[in-house]
Amino acid sequence: MRRLQVRFSAAAAEQLAGLHRRRQGMLKRELERVAGAAPARGAAPAGGSAPGPGSGPDGRIVRVRTPMDIAACEVLEDEGLVLVYAVVPR
């Protein structure tokens, strides 16, 4: 199965740009790890997940965490995407 692509909403891209370069890299690496693991496992990544109100039958809401930041994402395996909605400092 192919790797999922990571896409950022406009708000998430702006929030990510506001972080220090090192923190951006840490969060992007963790997002790539989740994107690479999601299709193979078919289950929630180690970062944790919780079904949310916007979660449809083909997607799930996932929190991707680093020691300093959290990203709220939706994994859409049918579309081949990990869509990042928000980036929040801890």
N, C-alpha and C. Protein backbone atom coordinates (compact mmCIF):
# COMPACT_ATOMS: atom_id res chain seq x y z
N MET A 1 0.84 -1.18 0.00
CA MET A 1 0.00 0.00 0.00
C MET A 1 0.89 1.25 0.00
N ARG A 2 0.45 2.30 -0.65
CA ARG A 2 1.28 3.50 -0.74
C ARG A 2 1.15 4.39 0.50
N ARG A 3 2.13 5.23 0.65
CA ARG A 3 2.21 6.15 1.79
C ARG A 3 1.18 7.27 1.63
N LEU A 4 0.57 7.68 2.74
CA LEU A 4 -0.38 8.78 2.72
C LEU A 4 0.35 10.12 2.60
N GLN A 5 -0.25 11.07 1.91
CA GLN A 5 0.32 12.41 1.80
C GLN A 5 -0.18 13.28 2.95
N VAL A 6 0.67 14.15 3.45
CA VAL A 6 0.29 15.07 4.52
C VAL A 6 -0.04 16.42 3.89
N ARG A 7 -1.24 16.92 4.16
CA ARG A 7 -1.68 18.23 3.66
C ARG A 7 -2.09 19.09 4.84
N PHE A 8 -1.79 20.39 4.76
CA PHE A 8 -2.11 21.33 5.83
C PHE A 8 -3.23 22.27 5.39
N SER A 9 -4.17 22.54 6.29
CA SER A 9 -5.15 23.59 6.03
C SER A 9 -4.41 24.92 6.09
N ALA A 10 -5.03 25.98 5.59
CA ALA A 10 -4.39 27.30 5.61
C ALA A 10 -4.07 27.73 7.05
N ALA A 11 -5.00 27.49 7.96
CA ALA A 11 -4.79 27.88 9.36
C ALA A 11 -3.65 27.07 9.98
N ALA A 12 -3.60 25.77 9.70
CA ALA A 12 -2.54 24.92 10.26
C ALA A 12 -1.18 25.31 9.70
N ALA A 13 -1.13 25.64 8.41
CA ALA A 13 0.13 26.06 7.80
C ALA A 13 0.63 27.35 8.44
N GLU A 14 -0.28 28.26 8.73
CA GLU A 14 0.10 29.52 9.38
C GLU A 14 0.58 29.27 10.80
N GLN A 15 -0.12 28.39 11.52
CA GLN A 15 0.28 28.07 12.89
C GLN A 15 1.65 27.38 12.90
N LEU A 16 1.89 26.49 11.95
CA LEU A 16 3.17 25.80 11.85
C LEU A 16 4.29 26.79 11.54
N ALA A 17 4.02 27.74 10.67
CA ALA A 17 5.03 28.73 10.30
C ALA A 17 5.43 29.61 11.49
N GLY A 18 4.54 29.74 12.47
CA GLY A 18 4.82 30.54 13.65
C GLY A 18 5.73 29.84 14.65
N LEU A 19 5.98 28.56 14.47
CA LEU A 19 6.84 27.81 15.38
C LEU A 19 8.30 27.96 15.00
N HIS A 20 9.18 27.73 15.97
CA HIS A 20 10.62 27.72 15.71
C HIS A 20 10.93 26.61 14.71
N ARG A 21 11.96 26.79 13.92
CA ARG A 21 12.32 25.86 12.86
C ARG A 21 12.53 24.43 13.37
N ARG A 22 13.15 24.30 14.52
CA ARG A 22 13.39 22.97 15.10
C ARG A 22 12.07 22.30 15.46
N ARG A 23 11.13 23.07 16.05
CA ARG A 23 9.83 22.53 16.41
C ARG A 23 9.03 22.15 15.16
N GLN A 24 9.15 22.94 14.10
CA GLN A 24 8.50 22.61 12.83
C GLN A 24 8.99 21.25 12.33
N GLY A 25 10.30 21.06 12.35
CA GLY A 25 10.89 19.82 11.88
C GLY A 25 10.44 18.62 12.69
N MET A 26 10.40 18.78 14.02
CA MET A 26 9.96 17.69 14.89
C MET A 26 8.52 17.28 14.57
N LEU A 27 7.67 18.27 14.41
CA LEU A 27 6.25 17.98 14.14
C LEU A 27 6.07 17.38 12.75
N LYS A 28 6.78 17.90 11.77
CA LYS A 28 6.68 17.35 10.41
C LYS A 28 7.17 15.91 10.36
N ARG A 29 8.26 15.60 11.07
CA ARG A 29 8.75 14.22 11.09
C ARG A 29 7.73 13.28 11.74
N GLU A 30 7.10 13.74 12.80
CA GLU A 30 6.10 12.90 13.46
C GLU A 30 4.88 12.70 12.55
N LEU A 31 4.48 13.74 11.83
CA LEU A 31 3.37 13.61 10.88
C LEU A 31 3.72 12.62 9.77
N GLU A 32 4.95 12.68 9.28
CA GLU A 32 5.38 11.74 8.23
C GLU A 32 5.40 10.31 8.77
N ARG A 33 5.79 10.14 10.02
CA ARG A 33 5.80 8.81 10.64
C ARG A 33 4.38 8.25 10.71
N VAL A 34 3.44 9.09 11.11
CA VAL A 34 2.04 8.68 11.19
C VAL A 34 1.51 8.36 9.79
N ALA A 35 1.85 9.18 8.82
CA ALA A 35 1.39 8.95 7.45
C ALA A 35 1.95 7.64 6.90
N GLY A 36 3.17 7.31 7.25
CA GLY A 36 3.77 6.07 6.79
C GLY A 36 3.21 4.84 7.49
N ALA A 37 2.78 4.99 8.72
CA ALA A 37 2.28 3.86 9.50
C ALA A 37 0.78 3.63 9.33
N ALA A 38 0.04 4.65 9.01
CA ALA A 38 -1.43 4.55 8.97
C ALA A 38 -1.95 3.48 8.01
N PRO A 39 -1.49 3.42 6.75
CA PRO A 39 -2.08 2.41 5.87
C PRO A 39 -1.68 0.98 6.25
N ALA A 40 -0.47 0.81 6.76
CA ALA A 40 0.01 -0.52 7.08
C ALA A 40 -0.74 -1.11 8.28
N ARG A 41 -1.00 -0.30 9.27
CA ARG A 41 -1.64 -0.79 10.48
C ARG A 41 -3.14 -0.92 10.34
N GLY A 42 -3.76 0.12 9.73
CA GLY A 42 -5.21 0.16 9.67
C GLY A 42 -5.83 0.47 11.02
N ALA A 43 -5.00 0.91 11.96
CA ALA A 43 -5.47 1.24 13.30
C ALA A 43 -4.90 2.59 13.69
N ALA A 44 -5.27 3.05 14.85
CA ALA A 44 -4.82 4.35 15.32
C ALA A 44 -3.32 4.34 15.56
N PRO A 45 -2.63 5.44 15.19
CA PRO A 45 -1.20 5.52 15.46
C PRO A 45 -0.92 5.68 16.94
N ALA A 46 0.34 5.48 17.30
CA ALA A 46 0.74 5.53 18.70
C ALA A 46 0.49 6.88 19.34
N GLY A 47 0.41 7.95 18.55
CA GLY A 47 0.18 9.30 19.08
C GLY A 47 -1.18 9.44 19.72
N GLY A 48 -2.08 8.53 19.50
CA GLY A 48 -3.40 8.57 20.11
C GLY A 48 -4.44 9.07 19.13
N SER A 49 -5.66 8.63 19.29
CA SER A 49 -6.74 9.10 18.44
C SER A 49 -8.04 9.05 19.22
N ALA A 50 -8.98 9.82 18.75
CA ALA A 50 -10.29 9.83 19.34
C ALA A 50 -11.29 10.17 18.26
N PRO A 51 -12.38 9.42 18.15
CA PRO A 51 -13.37 9.77 17.15
C PRO A 51 -13.95 11.13 17.48
N GLY A 52 -14.16 11.94 16.47
CA GLY A 52 -14.68 13.27 16.68
C GLY A 52 -15.95 13.49 15.91
N PRO A 53 -16.61 14.62 16.14
CA PRO A 53 -17.87 14.89 15.48
C PRO A 53 -17.73 15.02 13.97
N GLY A 54 -16.56 15.45 13.47
CA GLY A 54 -16.36 15.59 12.04
C GLY A 54 -15.85 14.33 11.38
N SER A 55 -15.67 13.29 12.14
CA SER A 55 -15.09 12.06 11.63
C SER A 55 -16.15 11.25 10.90
N GLY A 56 -15.93 11.00 9.62
CA GLY A 56 -16.88 10.24 8.81
C GLY A 56 -16.55 8.77 8.86
N PRO A 57 -17.29 7.97 8.08
CA PRO A 57 -17.05 6.53 8.10
C PRO A 57 -15.70 6.14 7.51
N ASP A 58 -15.13 6.99 6.65
CA ASP A 58 -13.85 6.64 6.03
C ASP A 58 -12.68 7.42 6.61
N GLY A 59 -12.89 8.21 7.67
CA GLY A 59 -11.81 8.99 8.26
C GLY A 59 -11.84 8.90 9.77
N ARG A 60 -10.72 9.25 10.39
CA ARG A 60 -10.66 9.28 11.85
C ARG A 60 -9.82 10.48 12.26
N ILE A 61 -10.21 11.07 13.37
CA ILE A 61 -9.49 12.22 13.91
C ILE A 61 -8.35 11.70 14.77
N VAL A 62 -7.15 12.29 14.57
CA VAL A 62 -5.96 11.81 15.25
C VAL A 62 -5.20 13.01 15.82
N ARG A 63 -4.66 12.84 17.03
CA ARG A 63 -3.75 13.82 17.60
C ARG A 63 -2.33 13.32 17.39
N VAL A 64 -1.51 14.16 16.79
CA VAL A 64 -0.09 13.82 16.62
C VAL A 64 0.67 14.72 17.58
N ARG A 65 1.46 14.10 18.46
CA ARG A 65 2.11 14.86 19.54
C ARG A 65 3.63 14.80 19.44
N THR A 66 4.23 15.93 19.81
CA THR A 66 5.66 16.00 20.08
C THR A 66 5.76 16.51 21.51
N PRO A 67 6.95 16.55 22.09
CA PRO A 67 7.05 17.06 23.47
C PRO A 67 6.57 18.51 23.62
N MET A 68 6.56 19.28 22.52
CA MET A 68 6.19 20.69 22.64
C MET A 68 4.94 21.10 21.87
N ASP A 69 4.43 20.26 20.97
CA ASP A 69 3.31 20.66 20.13
C ASP A 69 2.36 19.50 19.87
N ILE A 70 1.13 19.86 19.47
CA ILE A 70 0.12 18.87 19.10
C ILE A 70 -0.49 19.31 17.77
N ALA A 71 -0.72 18.35 16.88
CA ALA A 71 -1.41 18.63 15.62
C ALA A 71 -2.70 17.81 15.59
N ALA A 72 -3.79 18.44 15.21
CA ALA A 72 -5.07 17.75 15.04
C ALA A 72 -5.22 17.41 13.57
N CYS A 73 -5.43 16.13 13.28
CA CYS A 73 -5.45 15.64 11.90
C CYS A 73 -6.63 14.73 11.67
N GLU A 74 -6.96 14.55 10.41
CA GLU A 74 -7.91 13.52 10.01
C GLU A 74 -7.21 12.62 9.01
N VAL A 75 -7.26 11.33 9.26
CA VAL A 75 -6.66 10.35 8.35
C VAL A 75 -7.75 9.88 7.41
N LEU A 76 -7.55 10.13 6.11
CA LEU A 76 -8.50 9.72 5.08
C LEU A 76 -7.80 8.70 4.19
N GLU A 77 -7.86 7.45 4.59
CA GLU A 77 -7.14 6.40 3.87
C GLU A 77 -7.66 6.23 2.46
N ASP A 78 -8.98 6.37 2.26
CA ASP A 78 -9.56 6.22 0.92
C ASP A 78 -9.03 7.29 -0.04
N GLU A 79 -8.76 8.49 0.49
CA GLU A 79 -8.25 9.60 -0.31
C GLU A 79 -6.73 9.61 -0.37
N GLY A 80 -6.08 8.84 0.50
CA GLY A 80 -4.63 8.81 0.57
C GLY A 80 -4.04 10.04 1.24
N LEU A 81 -4.78 10.61 2.22
CA LEU A 81 -4.36 11.87 2.85
C LEU A 81 -4.36 11.80 4.37
N VAL A 82 -3.46 12.59 4.95
CA VAL A 82 -3.53 12.98 6.35
C VAL A 82 -3.71 14.49 6.30
N LEU A 83 -4.90 14.96 6.66
CA LEU A 83 -5.22 16.38 6.59
C LEU A 83 -5.03 17.00 7.97
N VAL A 84 -4.13 17.98 8.07
CA VAL A 84 -3.83 18.64 9.34
C VAL A 84 -4.71 19.88 9.45
N TYR A 85 -5.53 19.93 10.50
CA TYR A 85 -6.45 21.04 10.71
C TYR A 85 -5.88 22.13 11.60
N ALA A 86 -5.10 21.76 12.61
CA ALA A 86 -4.60 22.74 13.57
C ALA A 86 -3.28 22.28 14.17
N VAL A 87 -2.45 23.26 14.52
CA VAL A 87 -1.20 23.03 15.23
C VAL A 87 -1.24 23.88 16.48
N VAL A 88 -1.09 23.22 17.64
CA VAL A 88 -1.24 23.92 18.92
C VAL A 88 -0.01 23.67 19.78
N PRO A 89 0.62 24.75 20.30
CA PRO A 89 1.72 24.55 21.25
C PRO A 89 1.18 23.97 22.55
N ARG A 90 1.97 23.10 23.20
CA ARG A 90 1.54 22.53 24.48
C ARG A 90 1.69 23.52 25.59
